[in-house]
Amino acid sequence: MSPGKSIWILEDDLQMQAIYEDMLGRNYQLTLFSSLQEFRTGLETMTAPDMMILDLMCPDGNLHTVFEDIAPKLKNTPFLVVSGLDEQDAIRNSFTVGALDFISKPFSKAEIQVKIDIFLNRITRQDADISSVKLDPLSMTLYTRNERSSELTAKEYRILSLFLQAPEQIVPRRNLVLTLWKDINVSEKTLDVHLSNIRRKIAALGLTIVCTEAGYELQSSSHQASPP
């Protein structure tokens, strides 16, 4: 692990701040923010870090309410959302605005440490080439270069197949739904759940699925589109 990589943490709970310092302080340079105002000031006046860990609920508001304003500052910095607000809409919105992962509180220290190490040492080290991404039908995995995702479900495999049929092009939501369920009437959240699970599985490969007004696109994590 390369020493000196920097992580910003937006977290108002002092006990949680201490946990982060204990987990990460020996290996990374940490900057802690206790409010949205402090965080926004940091974005305006400080050099961007290598990664951010962001809580949604702060004393002075919900982070999602200011994402539109701060999106230009976040687009080139990978970030995780770690929140006790474990609701489907919160999870969906986090991935929509570009989060690499959504981790619910209380979390496993080992899990979050491993994920941070993976993201910092893989995603910031290399940029995935979408044209080189392949699906392996035998192992049901997505891979690029020498990295592989965890095993995909049948529907996750079909979703990714649609993206790879037209690399770097937007796939309309309706196309995804019709391909997967044909004429069966399904809830919008059903597709959101599948997309959320896929994002978790491909994040360590430097890939994500972004949401736009026109639909969804498979992209490199370091070249995410601005939120719609």
Protein backbone atom coordinates (compact mmCIF):
# COMPACT_ATOMS: atom_id res chain seq x y z
CA MET A 1 0.00 0.00 0.00
CA SER A 2 1.40 3.41 -0.89
CA PRO A 3 1.69 5.59 2.23
CA GLY A 4 0.43 9.12 2.20
CA LYS A 5 -2.76 8.71 0.18
CA SER A 6 -5.40 11.10 1.44
CA ILE A 7 -8.99 10.46 2.48
CA TRP A 8 -11.61 13.01 3.40
CA ILE A 9 -14.30 11.86 5.80
CA LEU A 10 -17.62 13.66 6.25
CA GLU A 11 -18.93 12.42 9.60
CA ASP A 12 -20.42 14.45 12.46
CA ASP A 13 -20.47 11.69 15.09
CA LEU A 14 -17.32 11.99 17.24
CA GLN A 15 -17.36 8.29 18.13
CA MET A 16 -17.46 7.39 14.41
CA GLN A 17 -14.62 9.83 13.73
CA ALA A 18 -12.53 8.04 16.34
CA ILE A 19 -13.31 4.67 14.70
CA TYR A 20 -12.15 5.98 11.32
CA GLU A 21 -8.97 7.38 12.84
CA ASP A 22 -8.24 4.05 14.52
CA MET A 23 -8.93 2.08 11.31
CA LEU A 24 -7.29 4.31 8.74
CA GLY A 25 -5.07 6.86 10.44
CA ARG A 26 -1.90 4.75 10.37
CA ASN A 27 -2.01 4.18 6.62
CA TYR A 28 -3.72 7.25 5.18
CA GLN A 29 -3.78 11.01 5.66
CA LEU A 30 -7.24 11.77 7.04
CA THR A 31 -9.14 15.04 6.97
CA LEU A 32 -12.37 15.04 9.00
CA PHE A 33 -15.39 17.26 8.37
CA SER A 34 -18.24 17.51 10.87
CA SER A 35 -20.76 19.43 8.77
CA LEU A 36 -21.80 20.08 5.18
CA GLN A 37 -20.53 23.65 5.46
CA GLU A 38 -17.06 22.50 6.51
CA PHE A 39 -17.04 19.96 3.68
CA ARG A 40 -18.11 22.49 1.05
CA THR A 41 -15.47 24.94 2.26
CA GLY A 42 -12.88 22.18 1.93
CA LEU A 43 -13.97 21.52 -1.65
CA GLU A 44 -13.50 25.18 -2.50
CA THR A 45 -10.19 25.83 -0.74
CA MET A 46 -8.25 22.56 -0.44
CA THR A 47 -6.56 20.13 -2.84
CA ALA A 48 -8.84 17.19 -3.64
CA PRO A 49 -8.02 13.92 -1.84
CA ASP A 50 -7.53 10.46 -3.32
CA MET A 51 -10.86 9.28 -1.89
CA MET A 52 -13.83 10.47 0.16
CA ILE A 53 -16.04 8.71 2.69
CA LEU A 54 -19.32 10.59 2.99
CA ASP A 55 -22.19 10.35 5.46
CA LEU A 56 -25.57 11.49 4.15
CA MET A 57 -27.15 13.01 7.25
CA CYS A 58 -25.28 15.98 8.73
CA PRO A 59 -26.30 18.49 11.43
CA ASP A 60 -26.86 21.13 8.76
CA GLY A 61 -28.66 19.00 6.17
CA ASN A 62 -28.74 16.00 3.86
CA LEU A 63 -25.75 15.60 1.53
CA HIS A 64 -28.03 14.70 -1.40
CA THR A 65 -29.58 18.17 -1.32
CA VAL A 66 -26.26 19.79 -2.29
CA PHE A 67 -24.92 17.18 -4.71
CA GLU A 68 -25.98 19.20 -7.75
CA ASP A 69 -23.87 22.15 -6.57
CA ILE A 70 -20.79 20.15 -5.60
CA ALA A 71 -20.89 17.57 -8.42
CA PRO A 72 -18.12 19.29 -10.46
CA LYS A 73 -15.81 19.00 -7.45
CA LEU A 74 -16.61 15.31 -6.94
CA LYS A 75 -16.55 13.96 -10.50
CA ASN A 76 -12.82 13.12 -10.50
CA THR A 77 -12.63 11.85 -6.91
CA PRO A 78 -13.88 8.36 -6.01
CA PHE A 79 -16.16 8.32 -2.98
CA LEU A 80 -18.07 5.90 -0.79
CA VAL A 81 -21.32 6.65 1.02
CA VAL A 82 -21.43 5.26 4.57
CA SER A 83 -24.76 5.98 6.21
CA GLY A 84 -27.29 4.80 8.74
CA LEU A 85 -30.01 5.88 6.29
CA ASP A 86 -30.48 2.39 4.89
CA GLU A 87 -33.37 3.08 2.52
CA GLN A 88 -33.76 2.09 -1.14
CA ASP A 89 -34.10 5.69 -2.34
CA ALA A 90 -30.98 6.76 -0.43
CA ILE A 91 -28.99 3.87 -1.90
CA ARG A 92 -30.27 4.54 -5.42
CA ASN A 93 -29.55 8.28 -5.19
CA SER A 94 -26.03 7.62 -3.91
CA PHE A 95 -25.17 5.45 -6.91
CA THR A 96 -26.91 7.90 -9.26
CA VAL A 97 -24.59 10.71 -8.19
CA GLY A 98 -21.53 8.52 -8.63
CA ALA A 99 -20.81 6.66 -5.38
CA LEU A 100 -18.56 3.61 -5.77
CA ASP A 101 -20.41 1.82 -3.01
CA PHE A 102 -23.06 2.31 -0.32
CA ILE A 103 -22.16 0.86 3.08
CA SER A 104 -24.79 0.75 5.81
CA LYS A 105 -24.08 1.54 9.44
CA PRO A 106 -23.20 -0.25 11.60
CA PHE A 107 -20.52 -1.67 9.34
CA SER A 108 -17.82 -4.30 9.61
CA LYS A 109 -14.43 -2.65 10.14
CA ALA A 110 -12.72 -5.41 8.18
CA GLU A 111 -15.14 -4.97 5.26
CA ILE A 112 -14.69 -1.23 4.94
CA GLN A 113 -10.90 -1.44 5.30
CA VAL A 114 -10.67 -4.02 2.53
CA LYS A 115 -12.92 -2.00 0.22
CA ILE A 116 -10.96 1.20 0.76
CA ASP A 117 -7.66 -0.57 0.11
CA ILE A 118 -9.07 -2.12 -3.09
CA PHE A 119 -10.52 1.13 -4.40
CA LEU A 120 -7.42 3.20 -3.67
CA ASN A 121 -4.95 0.67 -5.01
CA ARG A 122 -6.87 -0.33 -8.14
CA ILE A 123 -9.22 2.42 -9.22
CA THR A 124 -6.86 5.34 -8.69
CA ARG A 125 -4.00 3.33 -10.16
CA GLN A 126 -5.55 2.48 -13.52
CA ASP A 127 -8.34 3.55 -15.78
CA ALA A 128 -10.48 0.73 -17.14
CA ASP A 129 -10.73 0.61 -20.92
CA ILE A 130 -14.40 -0.06 -21.68
CA SER A 131 -13.56 -1.48 -25.09
CA SER A 132 -11.47 -4.21 -23.43
CA VAL A 133 -14.14 -5.30 -20.94
CA LYS A 134 -15.39 -8.84 -21.52
CA LEU A 135 -18.01 -11.18 -20.10
CA ASP A 136 -17.10 -14.79 -19.40
CA PRO A 137 -20.24 -16.96 -19.88
CA LEU A 138 -18.67 -19.98 -18.19
CA SER A 139 -17.70 -18.33 -14.91
CA MET A 140 -20.45 -15.67 -15.15
CA THR A 141 -18.01 -12.86 -14.44
CA LEU A 142 -17.03 -9.54 -15.99
CA TYR A 143 -13.32 -8.94 -16.40
CA THR A 144 -10.86 -6.34 -17.63
CA ARG A 145 -7.12 -6.82 -17.85
CA ASN A 146 -6.28 -9.26 -15.06
CA GLU A 147 -9.17 -8.37 -12.73
CA ARG A 148 -12.49 -10.14 -12.42
CA SER A 149 -15.77 -9.25 -10.76
CA SER A 150 -17.43 -11.59 -8.32
CA GLU A 151 -19.85 -14.09 -9.85
CA LEU A 152 -22.90 -12.56 -11.52
CA THR A 153 -26.50 -13.71 -11.38
CA ALA A 154 -28.26 -14.57 -14.63
CA LYS A 155 -30.07 -11.21 -14.78
CA GLU A 156 -26.91 -9.27 -13.88
CA TYR A 157 -25.13 -11.07 -16.71
CA ARG A 158 -27.90 -10.14 -19.17
CA ILE A 159 -27.85 -6.50 -18.06
CA LEU A 160 -24.10 -6.22 -18.58
CA SER A 161 -24.44 -7.97 -21.94
CA LEU A 162 -26.69 -5.13 -23.10
CA PHE A 163 -24.11 -2.54 -22.13
CA LEU A 164 -21.30 -4.39 -23.87
CA GLN A 165 -23.30 -4.76 -27.08
CA ALA A 166 -22.95 -0.99 -27.47
CA PRO A 167 -19.88 0.15 -25.50
CA GLU A 168 -19.90 3.74 -24.24
CA GLN A 169 -23.49 4.25 -25.37
CA ILE A 170 -26.52 4.98 -23.21
CA VAL A 171 -29.00 2.13 -22.76
CA PRO A 172 -32.56 3.42 -22.17
CA ARG A 173 -34.25 2.14 -19.04
CA ARG A 174 -37.14 0.77 -21.10
CA ASN A 175 -34.74 -1.37 -23.15
CA LEU A 176 -33.38 -2.94 -19.98
CA VAL A 177 -36.82 -3.66 -18.59
CA LEU A 178 -38.19 -5.11 -21.85
CA THR A 179 -35.15 -7.30 -22.39
CA LEU A 180 -35.22 -8.72 -18.87
CA TRP A 181 -38.93 -9.05 -18.22
CA LYS A 182 -40.60 -8.59 -21.64
CA ASP A 183 -44.28 -7.81 -21.02
CA ILE A 184 -44.25 -8.57 -17.31
CA ASN A 185 -45.07 -5.52 -15.21
CA VAL A 186 -42.27 -5.03 -12.66
CA SER A 187 -41.54 -2.31 -10.13
CA GLU A 188 -38.92 0.29 -11.07
CA LYS A 189 -37.09 -0.58 -7.87
CA THR A 190 -36.56 -4.15 -9.09
CA LEU A 191 -34.19 -2.90 -11.80
CA ASP A 192 -32.58 -0.51 -9.33
CA VAL A 193 -31.75 -3.40 -7.02
CA HIS A 194 -30.05 -5.33 -9.85
CA LEU A 195 -28.07 -2.26 -10.92
CA SER A 196 -27.03 -1.56 -7.34
CA ASN A 197 -25.73 -5.12 -6.94
CA ILE A 198 -23.84 -4.91 -10.24
CA ARG A 199 -22.16 -1.66 -9.20
CA ARG A 200 -20.89 -3.31 -6.04
CA LYS A 201 -19.45 -6.21 -8.02
CA ILE A 202 -17.66 -4.18 -10.71
CA ALA A 203 -16.44 -1.22 -8.62
CA ALA A 204 -13.05 -2.78 -7.86
CA LEU A 205 -12.46 -3.16 -11.63
CA GLY A 206 -12.64 0.62 -12.04
CA LEU A 207 -16.13 0.46 -13.55
CA THR A 208 -19.54 1.77 -12.64
CA ILE A 209 -22.99 2.25 -14.17
CA VAL A 210 -24.10 5.87 -14.25
CA CYS A 211 -27.64 7.17 -14.55
CA THR A 212 -28.48 9.94 -17.01
CA GLU A 213 -31.74 11.49 -18.14
CA ALA A 214 -31.70 9.21 -21.19
CA GLY A 215 -30.85 5.96 -19.41
CA TYR A 216 -27.76 4.14 -18.14
CA GLU A 217 -24.15 3.84 -19.28
CA LEU A 218 -21.25 1.58 -18.32
CA GLN A 219 -18.26 3.84 -17.64
CA SER A 220 -14.85 3.98 -16.08
CA SER A 221 -15.20 5.16 -12.46
CA SER A 222 -12.72 7.98 -13.03
CA HIS A 223 -14.79 9.37 -15.93
CA GLN A 224 -18.25 9.45 -14.42
CA ALA A 225 -20.89 11.68 -15.91
CA SER A 226 -22.29 14.53 -13.91
CA PRO A 227 -25.50 13.67 -12.06
CA PRO A 228 -28.71 14.28 -13.99
